[in-house]
Structure formats: structure tokens, C-alpha cells
Amino acid sequence: MESLSVIVSWSEFLTDVCNWRRIGVGVRLRSSDSTAFPFRQATEILYVAIKQGPSSVTLLNQFFSIQQQYTVGSYINYPNQDTPNYKTLYWGTHYTRLANLKRKLDPTNLFFSPQPL
């Protein structure tokens, strides 16, 4: 996989936080409509963290552009501030329903996020 070779070649910029996690079958036992996380059929999650610095951010963005072809969604606990389509990546088709709930249950925006519902 091209993106995996990019990780290896850029390993000097990566911290020890580079995880390729298999998702257990328990995630797939619930329907995607039963929770906020819509990607119930996913089998893996890739999490990459880098050391701070302008060149490493550029390299990480290059990695993500390569990885995008393999990406179906994203897990909200691994946010990326530069994700332009985070609503679709984090919540899929659930976004509108969840945003309506957020407005109803948190009208003062107490639970703020840089990538809000």
C-alpha cells in the first residue's frame, strides 16, 4: 500500500503514536443508525501523530492526500483540524440529525468544538 510506504519513509517525523488498529466484530453488531458513529462496517482505523513543525505538517498533509483513496470515514476521537469535509467524514449521513439534537440539547453551545456539529 502506497500510504504505508509513505509512513515508513517519513518515520523520522512520526512520533511513537502511529497505530493501525483492527476494529472488533462487536462494532459491526450494531446498526449504523443506532449510534452517532455511522461507519459500523469498518475493519481498521489508522491513527498517525507527528512531531510539531512546518515541514512535518506538510508531510502529514501529503500522506493524508495519498491515504484519502482508502478512506471511507474518520473517527471523531482522531480529529484533524485541516479536514475540510469533516462533517461527512465524522458523521456521514447522520450529520443533520445530530446537528439538530445538538441545537436542541445544547442551545448555548457549552460543549464547543473547533469542528462542531
PDB file of N, CA and C in Angstrom:
ATOM      1  N   MET A   1       0.845  -1.163   0.000  1.00  0.00           N
ATOM      2  CA  MET A   1       0.000   0.000   0.000  1.00  0.00           C
ATOM      3  C   MET A   1       0.899   1.236   0.000  1.00  0.00           C
ATOM      4  N   GLU A   2       0.634   2.144  -0.908  1.00  0.00           N
ATOM      5  CA  GLU A   2       1.462   3.342  -1.074  1.00  0.00           C
ATOM      6  C   GLU A   2       1.539   4.158   0.207  1.00  0.00           C
ATOM      7  N   SER A   3       0.409   4.341   0.900  1.00  0.00           N
ATOM      8  CA  SER A   3       0.416   5.170   2.100  1.00  0.00           C
ATOM      9  C   SER A   3       1.248   4.548   3.212  1.00  0.00           C
ATOM     10  N   LEU A   4       1.275   3.231   3.302  1.00  0.00           N
ATOM     11  CA  LEU A   4       2.097   2.578   4.314  1.00  0.00           C
ATOM     12  C   LEU A   4       3.575   2.809   4.027  1.00  0.00           C
ATOM     13  N   SER A   5       3.977   2.777   2.770  1.00  0.00           N
ATOM     14  CA  SER A   5       5.379   3.043   2.447  1.00  0.00           C
ATOM     15  C   SER A   5       5.736   4.503   2.737  1.00  0.00           C
ATOM     16  N   VAL A   6       4.765   5.410   2.617  1.00  0.00           N
ATOM     17  CA  VAL A   6       4.998   6.811   2.959  1.00  0.00           C
ATOM     18  C   VAL A   6       5.259   6.929   4.455  1.00  0.00           C
ATOM     19  N   ILE A   7       4.489   6.214   5.267  1.00  0.00           N
ATOM     20  CA  ILE A   7       4.711   6.235   6.719  1.00  0.00           C
ATOM     21  C   ILE A   7       6.120   5.760   7.045  1.00  0.00           C
ATOM     22  N   VAL A   8       6.530   4.677   6.446  1.00  0.00           N
ATOM     23  CA  VAL A   8       7.857   4.124   6.715  1.00  0.00           C
ATOM     24  C   VAL A   8       8.937   5.105   6.294  1.00  0.00           C
ATOM     25  N   SER A   9       8.816   5.712   5.116  1.00  0.00           N
ATOM     26  CA  SER A   9       9.854   6.625   4.637  1.00  0.00           C
ATOM     27  C   SER A   9       9.878   7.929   5.430  1.00  0.00           C
ATOM     28  N   TRP A  10       8.777   8.279   6.065  1.00  0.00           N
ATOM     29  CA  TRP A  10       8.723   9.503   6.849  1.00  0.00           C
ATOM     30  C   TRP A  10       8.808   9.216   8.340  1.00  0.00           C
ATOM     31  N   SER A  11       9.267   8.057   8.723  1.00  0.00           N
ATOM     32  CA  SER A  11       9.234   7.648  10.119  1.00  0.00           C
ATOM     33  C   SER A  11       9.991   8.596  11.051  1.00  0.00           C
ATOM     34  N   GLU A  12      10.971   9.323  10.535  1.00  0.00           N
ATOM     35  CA  GLU A  12      11.695  10.257  11.395  1.00  0.00           C
ATOM     36  C   GLU A  12      10.811  11.405  11.864  1.00  0.00           C
ATOM     37  N   PHE A  13       9.710  11.673  11.131  1.00  0.00           N
ATOM     38  CA  PHE A  13       8.810  12.752  11.516  1.00  0.00           C
ATOM     39  C   PHE A  13       7.672  12.268  12.407  1.00  0.00           C
ATOM     40  N   LEU A  14       7.464  10.971  12.455  1.00  0.00           N
ATOM     41  CA  LEU A  14       6.361  10.428  13.229  1.00  0.00           C
ATOM     42  C   LEU A  14       6.797  10.181  14.665  1.00  0.00           C
ATOM     43  N   THR A  15       5.880  10.399  15.575  1.00  0.00           N
ATOM     44  CA  THR A  15       6.165  10.057  16.959  1.00  0.00           C
ATOM     45  C   THR A  15       5.922   8.564  17.128  1.00  0.00           C
ATOM     46  N   ASP A  16       5.972   8.107  18.354  1.00  0.00           N
ATOM     47  CA  ASP A  16       5.680   6.696  18.578  1.00  0.00           C
ATOM     48  C   ASP A  16       4.185   6.424  18.506  1.00  0.00           C
ATOM     49  N   VAL A  17       3.398   7.423  18.135  1.00  0.00           N
ATOM     50  CA  VAL A  17       1.958   7.246  18.002  1.00  0.00           C
ATOM     51  C   VAL A  17       1.612   7.077  16.529  1.00  0.00           C
ATOM     52  N   CYS A  18       1.703   5.869  16.078  1.00  0.00           N
ATOM     53  CA  CYS A  18       1.312   5.503  14.724  1.00  0.00           C
ATOM     54  C   CYS A  18       0.662   4.128  14.854  1.00  0.00           C
ATOM     55  N   ASN A  19      -0.644   4.120  14.900  1.00  0.00           N
ATOM     56  CA  ASN A  19      -1.368   2.884  15.163  1.00  0.00           C
ATOM     57  C   ASN A  19      -2.234   2.479  13.985  1.00  0.00           C
ATOM     58  N   TRP A  20      -2.160   1.214  13.653  1.00  0.00           N
ATOM     59  CA  TRP A  20      -3.088   0.624  12.692  1.00  0.00           C
ATOM     60  C   TRP A  20      -3.907  -0.345  13.521  1.00  0.00           C
ATOM     61  N   ARG A  21      -5.136   0.006  13.796  1.00  0.00           N
ATOM     62  CA  ARG A  21      -5.963  -0.789  14.706  1.00  0.00           C
ATOM     63  C   ARG A  21      -7.050  -1.540  13.959  1.00  0.00           C
ATOM     64  N   ARG A  22      -7.165  -2.801  14.268  1.00  0.00           N
ATOM     65  CA  ARG A  22      -8.272  -3.606  13.760  1.00  0.00           C
ATOM     66  C   ARG A  22      -9.484  -3.312  14.631  1.00  0.00           C
ATOM     67  N   ILE A  23     -10.628  -3.175  14.017  1.00  0.00           N
ATOM     68  CA  ILE A  23     -11.861  -2.937  14.754  1.00  0.00           C
ATOM     69  C   ILE A  23     -12.527  -4.283  14.981  1.00  0.00           C
ATOM     70  N   GLY A  24     -12.911  -4.556  16.199  1.00  0.00           N
ATOM     71  CA  GLY A  24     -13.523  -5.831  16.544  1.00  0.00           C
ATOM     72  C   GLY A  24     -14.908  -6.006  15.941  1.00  0.00           C
ATOM     73  N   VAL A  25     -15.321  -7.237  15.868  1.00  0.00           N
ATOM     74  CA  VAL A  25     -16.614  -7.576  15.276  1.00  0.00           C
ATOM     75  C   VAL A  25     -17.774  -6.960  16.065  1.00  0.00           C
ATOM     76  N   GLY A  26     -17.569  -6.675  17.349  1.00  0.00           N
ATOM     77  CA  GLY A  26     -18.616  -6.064  18.162  1.00  0.00           C
ATOM     78  C   GLY A  26     -19.113  -4.744  17.598  1.00  0.00           C
ATOM     79  N   VAL A  27     -18.238  -3.989  16.942  1.00  0.00           N
ATOM     80  CA  VAL A  27     -18.626  -2.719  16.328  1.00  0.00           C
ATOM     81  C   VAL A  27     -19.668  -2.967  15.244  1.00  0.00           C
ATOM     82  N   ARG A  28     -19.532  -4.057  14.516  1.00  0.00           N
ATOM     83  CA  ARG A  28     -20.429  -4.350  13.402  1.00  0.00           C
ATOM     84  C   ARG A  28     -21.747  -4.998  13.838  1.00  0.00           C
ATOM     85  N   LEU A  29     -21.872  -5.339  15.113  1.00  0.00           N
ATOM     86  CA  LEU A  29     -23.107  -5.970  15.583  1.00  0.00           C
ATOM     87  C   LEU A  29     -24.260  -4.981  15.711  1.00  0.00           C
ATOM     88  N   ARG A  30     -23.942  -3.696  15.871  1.00  0.00           N
ATOM     89  CA  ARG A  30     -24.980  -2.667  15.957  1.00  0.00           C
ATOM     90  C   ARG A  30     -25.187  -2.043  14.591  1.00  0.00           C
ATOM     91  N   SER A  31     -26.402  -1.641  14.306  1.00  0.00           N
ATOM     92  CA  SER A  31     -26.670  -0.999  13.017  1.00  0.00           C
ATOM     93  C   SER A  31     -26.072   0.401  13.009  1.00  0.00           C
ATOM     94  N   SER A  32     -25.748   0.886  11.844  1.00  0.00           N
ATOM     95  CA  SER A  32     -25.133   2.211  11.759  1.00  0.00           C
ATOM     96  C   SER A  32     -26.100   3.312  12.171  1.00  0.00           C
ATOM     97  N   ASP A  33     -27.391   3.049  12.169  1.00  0.00           N
ATOM     98  CA  ASP A  33     -28.368   4.051  12.591  1.00  0.00           C
ATOM     99  C   ASP A  33     -28.572   4.084  14.105  1.00  0.00           C
ATOM    100  N   SER A  34     -27.980   3.157  14.835  1.00  0.00           N
ATOM    101  CA  SER A  34     -28.230   3.080  16.273  1.00  0.00           C
ATOM    102  C   SER A  34     -27.304   3.957  17.110  1.00  0.00           C
ATOM    103  N   THR A  35     -26.253   4.511  16.512  1.00  0.00           N
ATOM    104  CA  THR A  35     -25.313   5.363  17.239  1.00  0.00           C
ATOM    105  C   THR A  35     -24.901   6.536  16.347  1.00  0.00           C
ATOM    106  N   ALA A  36     -24.117   7.460  16.913  1.00  0.00           N
ATOM    107  CA  ALA A  36     -23.624   8.602  16.138  1.00  0.00           C
ATOM    108  C   ALA A  36     -22.556   8.172  15.127  1.00  0.00           C
ATOM    109  N   PHE A  37     -21.838   7.096  15.413  1.00  0.00           N
ATOM    110  CA  PHE A  37     -20.761   6.633  14.532  1.00  0.00           C
ATOM    111  C   PHE A  37     -21.367   5.794  13.402  1.00  0.00           C
ATOM    112  N   PRO A  38     -21.347   6.307  12.160  1.00  0.00           N
ATOM    113  CA  PRO A  38     -22.043   5.629  11.070  1.00  0.00           C
ATOM    114  C   PRO A  38     -21.255   4.508  10.388  1.00  0.00           C
ATOM    115  N   PHE A  39     -19.962   4.423  10.638  1.00  0.00           N
ATOM    116  CA  PHE A  39     -19.117   3.506   9.870  1.00  0.00           C
ATOM    117  C   PHE A  39     -18.973   2.167  10.586  1.00  0.00           C
ATOM    118  N   ARG A  40     -20.078   1.514  10.835  1.00  0.00           N
ATOM    119  CA  ARG A  40     -20.116   0.268  11.601  1.00  0.00           C
ATOM    120  C   ARG A  40     -19.518  -0.915  10.851  1.00  0.00           C
ATOM    121  N   GLN A  41     -19.325  -0.825   9.567  1.00  0.00           N
ATOM    122  CA  GLN A  41     -18.747  -1.923   8.802  1.00  0.00           C
ATOM    123  C   GLN A  41     -17.234  -1.792   8.624  1.00  0.00           C
ATOM    124  N   ALA A  42     -16.650  -0.750   9.209  1.00  0.00           N
ATOM    125  CA  ALA A  42     -15.195  -0.556   9.108  1.00  0.00           C
ATOM    126  C   ALA A  42     -14.458  -1.716   9.773  1.00  0.00           C
ATOM    127  N   THR A  43     -13.288  -2.017   9.254  1.00  0.00           N
ATOM    128  CA  THR A  43     -12.486  -3.097   9.827  1.00  0.00           C
ATOM    129  C   THR A  43     -11.177  -2.603  10.430  1.00  0.00           C
ATOM    130  N   GLU A  44     -10.747  -1.368  10.080  1.00  0.00           N
ATOM    131  CA  GLU A  44      -9.493  -0.825  10.590  1.00  0.00           C
ATOM    132  C   GLU A  44      -9.586   0.675  10.801  1.00  0.00           C
ATOM    133  N   ILE A  45      -8.742   1.161  11.703  1.00  0.00           N
ATOM    134  CA  ILE A  45      -8.561   2.595  11.911  1.00  0.00           C
ATOM    135  C   ILE A  45      -7.059   2.858  11.907  1.00  0.00           C
ATOM    136  N   LEU A  46      -6.640   3.880  11.159  1.00  0.00           N
ATOM    137  CA  LEU A  46      -5.241   4.288  11.145  1.00  0.00           C
ATOM    138  C   LEU A  46      -5.133   5.631  11.853  1.00  0.00           C
ATOM    139  N   TYR A  47      -4.238   5.711  12.825  1.00  0.00           N
ATOM    140  CA  TYR A  47      -4.007   6.950  13.574  1.00  0.00           C
ATOM    141  C   TYR A  47      -2.528   7.289  13.471  1.00  0.00           C
ATOM    142  N   VAL A  48      -2.230   8.505  13.025  1.00  0.00           N
ATOM    143  CA  VAL A  48      -0.843   8.946  12.883  1.00  0.00           C
ATOM    144  C   VAL A  48      -0.681  10.278  13.607  1.00  0.00           C
ATOM    145  N   ALA A  49       0.358  10.398  14.419  1.00  0.00           N
ATOM    146  CA  ALA A  49       0.694  11.662  15.079  1.00  0.00           C
ATOM    147  C   ALA A  49       2.115  12.026  14.684  1.00  0.00           C
ATOM    148  N   ILE A  50       2.387  13.311  14.589  1.00  0.00           N
ATOM    149  CA  ILE A  50       3.706  13.771  14.171  1.00  0.00           C
ATOM    150  C   ILE A  50       4.275  14.751  15.184  1.00  0.00           C
ATOM    151  N   LYS A  51       5.596  14.937  15.101  1.00  0.00           N
ATOM    152  CA  LYS A  51       6.242  15.978  15.885  1.00  0.00           C
ATOM    153  C   LYS A  51       5.883  17.311  15.245  1.00  0.00           C
ATOM    154  N   GLN A  52       5.714  18.331  16.062  1.00  0.00           N
ATOM    155  CA  GLN A  52       5.329  19.640  15.545  1.00  0.00           C
ATOM    156  C   GLN A  52       6.436  20.242  14.687  1.00  0.00           C
ATOM    157  N   GLY A  53       6.038  20.961  13.676  1.00  0.00           N
ATOM    158  CA  GLY A  53       6.971  21.659  12.816  1.00  0.00           C
ATOM    159  C   GLY A  53       6.360  21.836  11.441  1.00  0.00           C
ATOM    160  N   PRO A  54       6.658  22.945  10.769  1.00  0.00           N
ATOM    161  CA  PRO A  54       6.059  23.220   9.462  1.00  0.00           C
ATOM    162  C   PRO A  54       6.315  22.121   8.425  1.00  0.00           C
ATOM    163  N   SER A  55       7.536  21.581   8.379  1.00  0.00           N
ATOM    164  CA  SER A  55       7.822  20.566   7.365  1.00  0.00           C
ATOM    165  C   SER A  55       7.078  19.271   7.660  1.00  0.00           C
ATOM    166  N   SER A  56       6.934  18.928   8.941  1.00  0.00           N
ATOM    167  CA  SER A  56       6.234  17.694   9.266  1.00  0.00           C
ATOM    168  C   SER A  56       4.735  17.815   8.987  1.00  0.00           C
ATOM    169  N   VAL A  57       4.159  18.992   9.177  1.00  0.00           N
ATOM    170  CA  VAL A  57       2.745  19.195   8.851  1.00  0.00           C
ATOM    171  C   VAL A  57       2.537  19.049   7.343  1.00  0.00           C
ATOM    172  N   THR A  58       3.451  19.592   6.559  1.00  0.00           N
ATOM    173  CA  THR A  58       3.375  19.446   5.108  1.00  0.00           C
ATOM    174  C   THR A  58       3.431  17.980   4.710  1.00  0.00           C
ATOM    175  N   LEU A  59       4.356  17.233   5.319  1.00  0.00           N
ATOM    176  CA  LEU A  59       4.472  15.810   5.005  1.00  0.00           C
ATOM    177  C   LEU A  59       3.223  15.042   5.419  1.00  0.00           C
ATOM    178  N   LEU A  60       2.660  15.377   6.566  1.00  0.00           N
ATOM    179  CA  LEU A  60       1.450  14.697   7.011  1.00  0.00           C
ATOM    180  C   LEU A  60       0.290  14.979   6.060  1.00  0.00           C
ATOM    181  N   ASN A  61       0.174  16.206   5.612  1.00  0.00           N
ATOM    182  CA  ASN A  61      -0.874  16.540   4.646  1.00  0.00           C
ATOM    183  C   ASN A  61      -0.681  15.774   3.338  1.00  0.00           C
ATOM    184  N   GLN A  62       0.571  15.596   2.909  1.00  0.00           N
ATOM    185  CA  GLN A  62       0.838  14.780   1.720  1.00  0.00           C
ATOM    186  C   GLN A  62       0.409  13.340   1.953  1.00  0.00           C
ATOM    187  N   PHE A  63       0.711  12.826   3.136  1.00  0.00           N
ATOM    188  CA  PHE A  63       0.305  11.461   3.473  1.00  0.00           C
ATOM    189  C   PHE A  63      -1.208  11.331   3.406  1.00  0.00           C
ATOM    190  N   PHE A  64      -1.931  12.293   4.016  1.00  0.00           N
ATOM    191  CA  PHE A  64      -3.384  12.214   4.013  1.00  0.00           C
ATOM    192  C   PHE A  64      -3.954  12.297   2.606  1.00  0.00           C
ATOM    193  N   SER A  65      -3.339  13.061   1.734  1.00  0.00           N
ATOM    194  CA  SER A  65      -3.850  13.125   0.359  1.00  0.00           C
ATOM    195  C   SER A  65      -3.697  11.781  -0.347  1.00  0.00           C
ATOM    196  N   ILE A  66      -2.632  11.046  -0.041  1.00  0.00           N
ATOM    197  CA  ILE A  66      -2.463   9.695  -0.595  1.00  0.00           C
ATOM    198  C   ILE A  66      -3.457   8.738   0.064  1.00  0.00           C
ATOM    199  N   GLN A  67      -3.594   8.833   1.370  1.00  0.00           N
ATOM    200  CA  GLN A  67      -4.459   7.935   2.141  1.00  0.00           C
ATOM    201  C   GLN A  67      -5.931   8.114   1.793  1.00  0.00           C
ATOM    202  N   GLN A  68      -6.311   9.288   1.310  1.00  0.00           N
ATOM    203  CA  GLN A  68      -7.712   9.603   1.041  1.00  0.00           C
ATOM    204  C   GLN A  68      -8.395   8.553   0.151  1.00  0.00           C
ATOM    205  N   GLN A  69      -7.675   7.979  -0.787  1.00  0.00           N
ATOM    206  CA  GLN A  69      -8.292   6.988  -1.680  1.00  0.00           C
ATOM    207  C   GLN A  69      -8.718   5.720  -0.943  1.00  0.00           C
ATOM    208  N   TYR A  70      -8.167   5.482   0.238  1.00  0.00           N
ATOM    209  CA  TYR A  70      -8.516   4.304   1.025  1.00  0.00           C
ATOM    210  C   TYR A  70      -9.480   4.638   2.167  1.00  0.00           C
ATOM    211  N   THR A  71      -9.835   5.908   2.308  1.00  0.00           N
ATOM    212  CA  THR A  71     -10.604   6.373   3.457  1.00  0.00           C
ATOM    213  C   THR A  71     -12.092   6.385   3.166  1.00  0.00           C
ATOM    214  N   VAL A  72     -12.859   5.799   4.081  1.00  0.00           N
ATOM    215  CA  VAL A  72     -14.311   5.806   3.983  1.00  0.00           C
ATOM    216  C   VAL A  72     -14.883   6.855   4.925  1.00  0.00           C
ATOM    217  N   GLY A  73     -14.312   6.971   6.107  1.00  0.00           N
ATOM    218  CA  GLY A  73     -14.770   7.925   7.103  1.00  0.00           C
ATOM    219  C   GLY A  73     -13.642   8.199   8.073  1.00  0.00           C
ATOM    220  N   SER A  74     -13.970   8.893   9.143  1.00  0.00           N
ATOM    221  CA  SER A  74     -12.965   9.209  10.149  1.00  0.00           C
ATOM    222  C   SER A  74     -13.597   9.090  11.530  1.00  0.00           C
ATOM    223  N   TYR A  75     -12.795   8.740  12.496  1.00  0.00           N
ATOM    224  CA  TYR A  75     -13.271   8.580  13.870  1.00  0.00           C
ATOM    225  C   TYR A  75     -13.080   9.901  14.586  1.00  0.00           C
ATOM    226  N   ILE A  76     -14.139  10.445  15.161  1.00  0.00           N
ATOM    227  CA  ILE A  76     -14.125  11.775  15.765  1.00  0.00           C
ATOM    228  C   ILE A  76     -13.073  11.920  16.863  1.00  0.00           C
ATOM    229  N   ASN A  77     -12.687  10.837  17.508  1.00  0.00           N
ATOM    230  CA  ASN A  77     -11.660  10.935  18.547  1.00  0.00           C
ATOM    231  C   ASN A  77     -10.267  11.180  17.971  1.00  0.00           C
ATOM    232  N   TYR A  78     -10.112  11.095  16.659  1.00  0.00           N
ATOM    233  CA  TYR A  78      -8.839  11.380  15.993  1.00  0.00           C
ATOM    234  C   TYR A  78      -9.035  12.575  15.060  1.00  0.00           C
ATOM    235  N   PRO A  79      -9.330  13.768  15.593  1.00  0.00           N
ATOM    236  CA  PRO A  79      -9.644  14.903  14.724  1.00  0.00           C
ATOM    237  C   PRO A  79      -8.433  15.451  13.979  1.00  0.00           C
ATOM    238  N   ASN A  80      -8.708  16.030  12.860  1.00  0.00           N
ATOM    239  CA  ASN A  80      -7.695  16.712  12.057  1.00  0.00           C
ATOM    240  C   ASN A  80      -8.276  18.074  11.705  1.00  0.00           C
ATOM    241  N   GLN A  81      -7.690  19.129  12.232  1.00  0.00           N
ATOM    242  CA  GLN A  81      -8.199  20.488  12.026  1.00  0.00           C
ATOM    243  C   GLN A  81      -8.256  20.885  10.553  1.00  0.00           C
ATOM    244  N   ASP A  82      -7.451  20.255   9.717  1.00  0.00           N
ATOM    245  CA  ASP A  82      -7.385  20.634   8.305  1.00  0.00           C
ATOM    246  C   ASP A  82      -8.352  19.853   7.428  1.00  0.00           C
ATOM    247  N   THR A  83      -9.212  19.057   8.017  1.00  0.00           N
ATOM    248  CA  THR A  83     -10.159  18.265   7.233  1.00  0.00           C
ATOM    249  C   THR A  83     -11.310  19.147   6.771  1.00  0.00           C
ATOM    250  N   PRO A  84     -11.400  19.438   5.475  1.00  0.00           N
ATOM    251  CA  PRO A  84     -12.446  20.348   5.010  1.00  0.00           C
ATOM    252  C   PRO A  84     -13.843  19.726   5.053  1.00  0.00           C
ATOM    253  N   ASN A  85     -13.958  18.438   4.878  1.00  0.00           N
ATOM    254  CA  ASN A  85     -15.269  17.778   4.831  1.00  0.00           C
ATOM    255  C   ASN A  85     -15.502  16.924   6.075  1.00  0.00           C
ATOM    256  N   TYR A  86     -15.122  17.477   7.241  1.00  0.00           N
ATOM    257  CA  TYR A  86     -15.195  16.706   8.481  1.00  0.00           C
ATOM    258  C   TYR A  86     -16.613  16.244   8.806  1.00  0.00           C
ATOM    259  N   LYS A  87     -17.619  17.000   8.427  1.00  0.00           N
ATOM    260  CA  LYS A  87     -18.998  16.604   8.741  1.00  0.00           C
ATOM    261  C   LYS A  87     -19.318  15.241   8.138  1.00  0.00           C
ATOM    262  N   THR A  88     -18.947  15.050   6.900  1.00  0.00           N
ATOM    263  CA  THR A  88     -19.192  13.772   6.233  1.00  0.00           C
ATOM    264  C   THR A  88     -18.256  12.695   6.758  1.00  0.00           C
ATOM    265  N   LEU A  89     -16.974  13.036   6.955  1.00  0.00           N
ATOM    266  CA  LEU A  89     -16.021  12.034   7.419  1.00  0.00           C
ATOM    267  C   LEU A  89     -16.323  11.543   8.833  1.00  0.00           C
ATOM    268  N   TYR A  90     -16.757  12.430   9.728  1.00  0.00           N
ATOM    269  CA  TYR A  90     -17.017  12.024  11.105  1.00  0.00           C
ATOM    270  C   TYR A  90     -18.399  11.404  11.294  1.00  0.00           C
ATOM    271  N   TRP A  91     -19.416  12.000  10.672  1.00  0.00           N
ATOM    272  CA  TRP A  91     -20.782  11.586  10.970  1.00  0.00           C
ATOM    273  C   TRP A  91     -21.561  11.037   9.786  1.00  0.00           C
ATOM    274  N   GLY A  92     -20.993  11.066   8.586  1.00  0.00           N
ATOM    275  CA  GLY A  92     -21.683  10.514   7.423  1.00  0.00           C
ATOM    276  C   GLY A  92     -23.069  11.124   7.249  1.00  0.00           C
ATOM    277  N   THR A  93     -24.031  10.270   6.984  1.00  0.00           N
ATOM    278  CA  THR A  93     -25.406  10.731   6.767  1.00  0.00           C
ATOM    279  C   THR A  93     -26.108  11.107   8.063  1.00  0.00           C
ATOM    280  N   HIS A  94     -25.458  10.937   9.195  1.00  0.00           N
ATOM    281  CA  HIS A  94     -26.049  11.250  10.499  1.00  0.00           C
ATOM    282  C   HIS A  94     -25.900  12.726  10.865  1.00  0.00           C
ATOM    283  N   TYR A  95     -25.154  13.488  10.096  1.00  0.00           N
ATOM    284  CA  TYR A  95     -24.819  14.858  10.494  1.00  0.00           C
ATOM    285  C   TYR A  95     -26.053  15.717  10.788  1.00  0.00           C
ATOM    286  N   THR A  96     -27.000  15.770   9.884  1.00  0.00           N
ATOM    287  CA  THR A  96     -28.165  16.642  10.065  1.00  0.00           C
ATOM    288  C   THR A  96     -28.933  16.280  11.326  1.00  0.00           C
ATOM    289  N   ARG A  97     -29.174  14.990  11.550  1.00  0.00           N
ATOM    290  CA  ARG A  97     -29.893  14.544  12.751  1.00  0.00           C
ATOM    291  C   ARG A  97     -29.127  14.941  14.019  1.00  0.00           C
ATOM    292  N   LEU A  98     -27.811  14.724  14.014  1.00  0.00           N
ATOM    293  CA  LEU A  98     -27.003  15.036  15.194  1.00  0.00           C
ATOM    294  C   LEU A  98     -26.899  16.543  15.427  1.00  0.00           C
ATOM    295  N   ALA A  99     -26.792  17.326  14.359  1.00  0.00           N
ATOM    296  CA  ALA A  99     -26.734  18.787  14.496  1.00  0.00           C
ATOM    297  C   ALA A  99     -28.042  19.324  15.072  1.00  0.00           C
ATOM    298  N   ASN A 100     -29.169  18.754  14.656  1.00  0.00           N
ATOM    299  CA  ASN A 100     -30.464  19.160  15.212  1.00  0.00           C
ATOM    300  C   ASN A 100     -30.544  18.825  16.698  1.00  0.00           C
ATOM    301  N   LEU A 101     -30.069  17.651  17.085  1.00  0.00           N
ATOM    302  CA  LEU A 101     -30.040  17.277  18.505  1.00  0.00           C
ATOM    303  C   LEU A 101     -29.137  18.206  19.306  1.00  0.00           C
ATOM    304  N   LYS A 102     -27.988  18.546  18.733  1.00  0.00           N
ATOM    305  CA  LYS A 102     -27.038  19.442  19.416  1.00  0.00           C
ATOM    306  C   LYS A 102     -27.680  20.802  19.673  1.00  0.00           C
ATOM    307  N   ARG A 103     -28.361  21.350  18.670  1.00  0.00           N
ATOM    308  CA  ARG A 103     -29.024  22.650  18.850  1.00  0.00           C
ATOM    309  C   ARG A 103     -30.104  22.580  19.929  1.00  0.00           C
ATOM    310  N   LYS A 104     -30.827  21.474  19.969  1.00  0.00           N
ATOM    311  CA  LYS A 104     -31.902  21.310  20.947  1.00  0.00           C
ATOM    312  C   LYS A 104     -31.353  21.104  22.365  1.00  0.00           C
ATOM    313  N   LEU A 105     -30.344  20.265  22.512  1.00  0.00           N
ATOM    314  CA  LEU A 105     -29.847  19.890  23.830  1.00  0.00           C
ATOM    315  C   LEU A 105     -28.752  20.817  24.365  1.00  0.00           C
ATOM    316  N   ASP A 106     -28.120  21.587  23.481  1.00  0.00           N
ATOM    317  CA  ASP A 106     -27.037  22.479  23.902  1.00  0.00           C
ATOM    318  C   ASP A 106     -27.201  23.845  23.220  1.00  0.00           C
ATOM    319  N   PRO A 107     -28.292  24.550  23.510  1.00  0.00           N
ATOM    320  CA  PRO A 107     -28.570  25.808  22.805  1.00  0.00           C
ATOM    321  C   PRO A 107     -27.548  26.908  23.074  1.00  0.00           C
ATOM    322  N   THR A 108     -26.815  26.828  24.182  1.00  0.00           N
ATOM    323  CA  THR A 108     -25.810  27.859  24.483  1.00  0.00           C
ATOM    324  C   THR A 108     -24.414  27.456  24.009  1.00  0.00           C
ATOM    325  N   ASN A 109     -24.299  26.320  23.356  1.00  0.00           N
ATOM    326  CA  ASN A 109     -23.025  25.824  22.825  1.00  0.00           C
ATOM    327  C   ASN A 109     -21.970  25.639  23.914  1.00  0.00           C
ATOM    328  N   LEU A 110     -22.412  25.102  25.053  1.00  0.00           N
ATOM    329  CA  LEU A 110     -21.500  24.818  26.153  1.00  0.00           C
ATOM    330  C   LEU A 110     -20.431  23.807  25.723  1.00  0.00           C
ATOM    331  N   PHE A 111     -20.840  22.807  24.970  1.00  0.00           N
ATOM    332  CA  PHE A 111     -19.902  21.768  24.504  1.00  0.00           C
ATOM    333  C   PHE A 111     -19.412  22.156  23.113  1.00  0.00           C
ATOM    334  N   PHE A 112     -18.438  23.043  23.112  1.00  0.00           N
ATOM    335  CA  PHE A 112     -17.883  23.610  21.881  1.00  0.00           C
ATOM    336  C   PHE A 112     -16.767  22.724  21.325  1.00  0.00           C
ATOM    337  N   SER A 113     -16.664  22.730  20.021  1.00  0.00           N
ATOM    338  CA  SER A 113     -15.581  22.026  19.333  1.00  0.00           C
ATOM    339  C   SER A 113     -15.163  22.865  18.132  1.00  0.00           C
ATOM    340  N   PRO A 114     -13.865  22.831  17.775  1.00  0.00           N
ATOM    341  CA  PRO A 114     -13.435  23.553  16.559  1.00  0.00           C
ATOM    342  C   PRO A 114     -14.075  22.975  15.296  1.00  0.00           C
ATOM    343  N   GLN A 115     -14.528  21.738  15.368  1.00  0.00           N
ATOM    344  CA  GLN A 115     -15.245  21.115  14.243  1.00  0.00           C
ATOM    345  C   GLN A 115     -16.607  20.670  14.761  1.00  0.00           C
ATOM    346  N   PRO A 116     -17.522  21.622  14.921  1.00  0.00           N
ATOM    347  CA  PRO A 116     -18.773  21.341  15.618  1.00  0.00           C
ATOM    348  C   PRO A 116     -19.805  20.609  14.780  1.00  0.00           C
ATOM    349  N   LEU A 117     -20.793  20.123  15.488  1.00  0.00           N
ATOM    350  CA  LEU A 117     -21.992  19.595  14.834  1.00  0.00           C
ATOM    351  C   LEU A 117     -22.790  20.775  14.345  1.00  0.00           C
TER     352      LEU A 117
END
